[in-house]
């Protein structure tokens, strides 16, 4: 997707070609379910599974469900220790906790629509009572590298985390990421590892690309950070160069 949330005609065309050829085109994303479903609709696909919240939530297609999908697997963790440790160092930061139903409770300010349609502003202490699938920390006062340094100094344990394009921190249950979610889906679908292609551009795609590259194709977009490119076994163009369409065009 482009920065404005749109999909280019070239990408839409390649996705439609693969869908019509019988390939399983699916999404593995950091987004909550409520923010993933509009992307699925925009792509005009109906995959058997969706991997959301950086691997913590996996949805299975169910035509009888109100949203068309039901929860097939959910990973949660107690966020108290992580939230307290970060709050002590970054009191001016904004915090959000996503629960197993995709509902966010948050403190501070977040960009419009970044938390989806199901969210409520609460006091910080109320975040500690939630069994979390995902914790988000956002600091407008720090640059990306400075923010990363502070997070590393804090030393987050028993969780998985990654830094986004800005001073945006995603925290997931320990050992949970897009790759663990997709491996579970691959096993459910009985899909050979050699038939896997994954394309990504963010730090939360690093494990996914490493996983795909073992026997299949892990493709890093041209705008990806260097460490993400290093995890891939294939590179393509930037999103504004239709790099995704180029990568998909090589799938028969």
Foldseek 3Di string as FASTA:
>chain_A
DDPVPAADPLLLVLLVVCVVVPHQDEEAELAFPQVVLVVCVRSVHDGQWYHYNFQQWIWGADCPDPSRTDTPHGDWAQCQVVLVLVCVVCVPKKKWFAAPVLAIEIEDDDPPCPSHDHYYYDDSVVNRVGGGQKMKIGDPVDFQVVLVVVVVVSPDPQWDWDAWPGSMIMIGGHPGGSQVNVVVVCVVVVPDLQLDEDEDAIPSCLVVQLSSQPRYFREYEPNHPPSSVVSTPYYFYHVVVVRVSVVSVPRD
